[in-house]
Amino acid sequence: MLRWLLVLIGFAGLIAVRGLEDSIFYDPFLTYFESADHSAVFPDFVWGKLIAGYLFRFLLNTVFSLIIVHFLFQDKAWTRQALILILLVFVLVFPIYLYCIQDRFQFGYLFSFYIRRFVIQPLTLILVIPIFYYRKKMLQD
């Protein structure tokens, strides 16, 4: 019972990060990407605050994601593997997103939008859970 409660707490934490994004993170690109007609003006921002905000959000998403993985599968090695995958994706995607910002999204609006999703959302978790679930099923057979 405690195990499932902790998994729910992990999901609640991820939902809270998303729900409170306007108030706890510095991200002037929230309103930029919410513009349905893509006509929003490229916002002014402070690089240091922006990077710190994204790193803080990544840290929170990672902690809650690892709580979910750990208590779903109850395997420390798999939790470490999830951490490595999450870090690897972030290390690959974050510099690309920062380059897109530096380039004022001239690389492409949709490309920048989706790269940003990997930076601000725990999308790697959506990949990790089915992979680990499949692995667990294969080990049981």
C-alpha atoms as a PDB file:
ATOM      1  CA  MET A   1       0.000   0.000   0.000  1.00  0.00           C
ATOM      2  CA  LEU A   2       2.818   2.406   0.887  1.00  0.00           C
ATOM      3  CA  ARG A   3       4.496   1.623  -2.431  1.00  0.00           C
ATOM      4  CA  TRP A   4       1.460   2.763  -4.441  1.00  0.00           C
ATOM      5  CA  LEU A   5       1.014   5.823  -2.271  1.00  0.00           C
ATOM      6  CA  LEU A   6       4.601   6.858  -3.054  1.00  0.00           C
ATOM      7  CA  VAL A   7       4.014   6.282  -6.787  1.00  0.00           C
ATOM      8  CA  LEU A   8       0.938   8.525  -6.537  1.00  0.00           C
ATOM      9  CA  ILE A   9       2.981  11.141  -4.669  1.00  0.00           C
ATOM     10  CA  GLY A  10       5.506  11.048  -7.518  1.00  0.00           C
ATOM     11  CA  PHE A  11       2.760  11.626 -10.083  1.00  0.00           C
ATOM     12  CA  ALA A  12       1.214  14.345  -7.916  1.00  0.00           C
ATOM     13  CA  GLY A  13       4.622  16.027  -7.758  1.00  0.00           C
ATOM     14  CA  LEU A  14       4.909  16.005 -11.555  1.00  0.00           C
ATOM     15  CA  ILE A  15       1.398  17.413 -11.853  1.00  0.00           C
ATOM     16  CA  ALA A  16       2.238  20.110  -9.298  1.00  0.00           C
ATOM     17  CA  VAL A  17       5.384  21.087 -11.217  1.00  0.00           C
ATOM     18  CA  ARG A  18       3.264  21.479 -14.348  1.00  0.00           C
ATOM     19  CA  GLY A  19       0.404  23.214 -12.582  1.00  0.00           C
ATOM     20  CA  LEU A  20       2.597  25.715 -10.766  1.00  0.00           C
ATOM     21  CA  GLU A  21       4.967  26.423 -13.650  1.00  0.00           C
ATOM     22  CA  ASP A  22       3.798  30.029 -14.014  1.00  0.00           C
ATOM     23  CA  SER A  23       4.554  30.874 -10.414  1.00  0.00           C
ATOM     24  CA  ILE A  24       7.668  28.884  -9.475  1.00  0.00           C
ATOM     25  CA  PHE A  25       9.788  28.984 -12.638  1.00  0.00           C
ATOM     26  CA  TYR A  26      11.302  31.808 -14.620  1.00  0.00           C
ATOM     27  CA  ASP A  27      10.302  30.993 -18.191  1.00  0.00           C
ATOM     28  CA  PRO A  28       9.338  33.887 -20.456  1.00  0.00           C
ATOM     29  CA  PHE A  29       8.786  31.378 -23.258  1.00  0.00           C
ATOM     30  CA  LEU A  30       5.635  29.961 -21.639  1.00  0.00           C
ATOM     31  CA  THR A  31       3.455  32.675 -23.139  1.00  0.00           C
ATOM     32  CA  TYR A  32       5.495  32.711 -26.346  1.00  0.00           C
ATOM     33  CA  PHE A  33       4.691  29.071 -27.076  1.00  0.00           C
ATOM     34  CA  GLU A  34       1.085  29.378 -25.873  1.00  0.00           C
ATOM     35  CA  SER A  35       0.378  31.775 -28.741  1.00  0.00           C
ATOM     36  CA  ALA A  36      -1.884  29.797 -31.065  1.00  0.00           C
ATOM     37  CA  ASP A  37      -1.040  31.768 -34.184  1.00  0.00           C
ATOM     38  CA  HIS A  38       2.731  31.835 -33.549  1.00  0.00           C
ATOM     39  CA  SER A  39       2.692  35.632 -33.740  1.00  0.00           C
ATOM     40  CA  ALA A  40       4.017  36.322 -30.248  1.00  0.00           C
ATOM     41  CA  VAL A  41       7.023  38.586 -30.000  1.00  0.00           C
ATOM     42  CA  PHE A  42      10.255  36.864 -29.004  1.00  0.00           C
ATOM     43  CA  PRO A  43      10.529  37.709 -25.290  1.00  0.00           C
ATOM     44  CA  ASP A  44      13.339  39.471 -23.505  1.00  0.00           C
ATOM     45  CA  PHE A  45      15.003  37.258 -20.913  1.00  0.00           C
ATOM     46  CA  VAL A  46      17.991  36.876 -18.629  1.00  0.00           C
ATOM     47  CA  TRP A  47      20.195  33.923 -19.609  1.00  0.00           C
ATOM     48  CA  GLY A  48      21.311  33.053 -16.081  1.00  0.00           C
ATOM     49  CA  LYS A  49      17.796  33.084 -14.634  1.00  0.00           C
ATOM     50  CA  LEU A  50      16.482  31.147 -17.611  1.00  0.00           C
ATOM     51  CA  ILE A  51      19.093  28.391 -17.350  1.00  0.00           C
ATOM     52  CA  ALA A  52      18.716  28.208 -13.561  1.00  0.00           C
ATOM     53  CA  GLY A  53      14.938  27.945 -13.949  1.00  0.00           C
ATOM     54  CA  TYR A  54      15.212  25.111 -16.449  1.00  0.00           C
ATOM     55  CA  LEU A  55      17.754  23.280 -14.301  1.00  0.00           C
ATOM     56  CA  PHE A  56      15.549  23.637 -11.218  1.00  0.00           C
ATOM     57  CA  ARG A  57      12.543  22.332 -13.137  1.00  0.00           C
ATOM     58  CA  PHE A  58      14.620  19.442 -14.502  1.00  0.00           C
ATOM     59  CA  LEU A  59      15.751  18.600 -10.972  1.00  0.00           C
ATOM     60  CA  LEU A  60      12.194  18.528  -9.639  1.00  0.00           C
ATOM     61  CA  ASN A  61      10.913  16.477 -12.590  1.00  0.00           C
ATOM     62  CA  THR A  62      13.822  14.055 -12.189  1.00  0.00           C
ATOM     63  CA  VAL A  63      13.257  13.547  -8.460  1.00  0.00           C
ATOM     64  CA  PHE A  64       9.551  12.834  -8.943  1.00  0.00           C
ATOM     65  CA  SER A  65      10.257  10.615 -11.967  1.00  0.00           C
ATOM     66  CA  LEU A  66      12.783   8.567 -10.010  1.00  0.00           C
ATOM     67  CA  ILE A  67      10.341   8.180  -7.133  1.00  0.00           C
ATOM     68  CA  ILE A  68       7.833   6.764  -9.601  1.00  0.00           C
ATOM     69  CA  VAL A  69      10.329   4.400 -11.223  1.00  0.00           C
ATOM     70  CA  HIS A  70      11.797   3.244  -7.932  1.00  0.00           C
ATOM     71  CA  PHE A  71       8.496   2.405  -6.292  1.00  0.00           C
ATOM     72  CA  LEU A  72       6.909   0.963  -9.428  1.00  0.00           C
ATOM     73  CA  PHE A  73       9.714  -1.514 -10.040  1.00  0.00           C
ATOM     74  CA  GLN A  74      11.443  -1.631  -6.634  1.00  0.00           C
ATOM     75  CA  ASP A  75      14.879  -2.109  -8.162  1.00  0.00           C
ATOM     76  CA  LYS A  76      17.740   0.258  -7.313  1.00  0.00           C
ATOM     77  CA  ALA A  77      19.681  -0.717 -10.440  1.00  0.00           C
ATOM     78  CA  TRP A  78      16.714   0.158 -12.623  1.00  0.00           C
ATOM     79  CA  THR A  79      16.299   3.457 -10.794  1.00  0.00           C
ATOM     80  CA  ARG A  80      19.961   4.241 -11.534  1.00  0.00           C
ATOM     81  CA  GLN A  81      19.426   3.276 -15.177  1.00  0.00           C
ATOM     82  CA  ALA A  82      16.402   5.573 -15.338  1.00  0.00           C
ATOM     83  CA  LEU A  83      18.517   8.392 -13.890  1.00  0.00           C
ATOM     84  CA  ILE A  84      21.207   7.785 -16.495  1.00  0.00           C
ATOM     85  CA  LEU A  85      18.660   7.801 -19.333  1.00  0.00           C
ATOM     86  CA  ILE A  86      16.998  10.952 -18.033  1.00  0.00           C
ATOM     87  CA  LEU A  87      20.370  12.701 -17.659  1.00  0.00           C
ATOM     88  CA  LEU A  88      21.511  11.540 -21.091  1.00  0.00           C
ATOM     89  CA  VAL A  89      18.413  12.889 -22.806  1.00  0.00           C
ATOM     90  CA  PHE A  90      18.710  16.191 -20.937  1.00  0.00           C
ATOM     91  CA  VAL A  91      22.420  16.559 -21.684  1.00  0.00           C
ATOM     92  CA  LEU A  92      21.709  15.998 -25.376  1.00  0.00           C
ATOM     93  CA  VAL A  93      18.575  18.116 -25.682  1.00  0.00           C
ATOM     94  CA  PHE A  94      19.246  21.082 -23.386  1.00  0.00           C
ATOM     95  CA  PRO A  95      22.153  22.547 -25.399  1.00  0.00           C
ATOM     96  CA  ILE A  96      20.099  22.165 -28.577  1.00  0.00           C
ATOM     97  CA  TYR A  97      17.257  24.094 -26.988  1.00  0.00           C
ATOM     98  CA  LEU A  98      19.617  26.801 -25.751  1.00  0.00           C
ATOM     99  CA  TYR A  99      20.989  27.092 -29.287  1.00  0.00           C
ATOM    100  CA  CYS A 100      17.431  27.445 -30.585  1.00  0.00           C
ATOM    101  CA  ILE A 101      16.879  30.297 -28.120  1.00  0.00           C
ATOM    102  CA  GLN A 102      20.179  31.927 -29.119  1.00  0.00           C
ATOM    103  CA  ASP A 103      19.061  31.642 -32.743  1.00  0.00           C
ATOM    104  CA  ARG A 104      15.651  33.132 -31.832  1.00  0.00           C
ATOM    105  CA  PHE A 105      13.930  29.934 -32.990  1.00  0.00           C
ATOM    106  CA  GLN A 106      15.009  30.503 -36.580  1.00  0.00           C
ATOM    107  CA  PHE A 107      15.773  26.792 -36.724  1.00  0.00           C
ATOM    108  CA  GLY A 108      12.031  26.255 -36.760  1.00  0.00           C
ATOM    109  CA  TYR A 109       9.138  27.010 -34.460  1.00  0.00           C
ATOM    110  CA  LEU A 110       7.876  23.426 -34.177  1.00  0.00           C
ATOM    111  CA  PHE A 111      11.349  21.961 -33.794  1.00  0.00           C
ATOM    112  CA  SER A 112      12.051  24.408 -30.960  1.00  0.00           C
ATOM    113  CA  PHE A 113       8.643  23.742 -29.422  1.00  0.00           C
ATOM    114  CA  TYR A 114       9.188  19.992 -29.263  1.00  0.00           C
ATOM    115  CA  ILE A 115      12.801  20.225 -28.116  1.00  0.00           C
ATOM    116  CA  ARG A 116      11.553  22.495 -25.335  1.00  0.00           C
ATOM    117  CA  ARG A 117       9.069  19.792 -24.329  1.00  0.00           C
ATOM    118  CA  PHE A 118      11.953  17.405 -23.614  1.00  0.00           C
ATOM    119  CA  VAL A 119      13.561  20.105 -21.458  1.00  0.00           C
ATOM    120  CA  ILE A 120      10.539  21.118 -19.381  1.00  0.00           C
ATOM    121  CA  GLN A 121       8.459  17.922 -19.282  1.00  0.00           C
ATOM    122  CA  PRO A 122       9.394  14.466 -17.963  1.00  0.00           C
ATOM    123  CA  LEU A 123       8.943  12.853 -21.388  1.00  0.00           C
ATOM    124  CA  THR A 124      11.765  10.396 -20.779  1.00  0.00           C
ATOM    125  CA  LEU A 125       9.639   8.889 -18.000  1.00  0.00           C
ATOM    126  CA  ILE A 126       6.981   8.078 -20.587  1.00  0.00           C
ATOM    127  CA  LEU A 127       9.616   6.038 -22.412  1.00  0.00           C
ATOM    128  CA  VAL A 128      11.252   4.471 -19.350  1.00  0.00           C
ATOM    129  CA  ILE A 129       8.131   3.018 -17.720  1.00  0.00           C
ATOM    130  CA  PRO A 130       7.054   0.875 -20.707  1.00  0.00           C
ATOM    131  CA  ILE A 131      10.635  -0.251 -21.331  1.00  0.00           C
ATOM    132  CA  PHE A 132      11.084  -1.355 -17.735  1.00  0.00           C
ATOM    133  CA  TYR A 133       7.638  -2.931 -17.615  1.00  0.00           C
ATOM    134  CA  TYR A 134       8.458  -4.957 -20.734  1.00  0.00           C
ATOM    135  CA  ARG A 135      11.816  -5.945 -19.242  1.00  0.00           C
ATOM    136  CA  LYS A 136      10.112  -7.059 -16.037  1.00  0.00           C
ATOM    137  CA  LYS A 137       7.632  -9.182 -18.017  1.00  0.00           C
ATOM    138  CA  MET A 138      10.440 -10.744 -20.036  1.00  0.00           C
ATOM    139  CA  LEU A 139      12.364 -11.621 -16.868  1.00  0.00           C
ATOM    140  CA  GLN A 140       9.283 -13.255 -15.363  1.00  0.00           C
ATOM    141  CA  ASP A 141       8.700 -15.534 -18.345  1.00  0.00           C
END
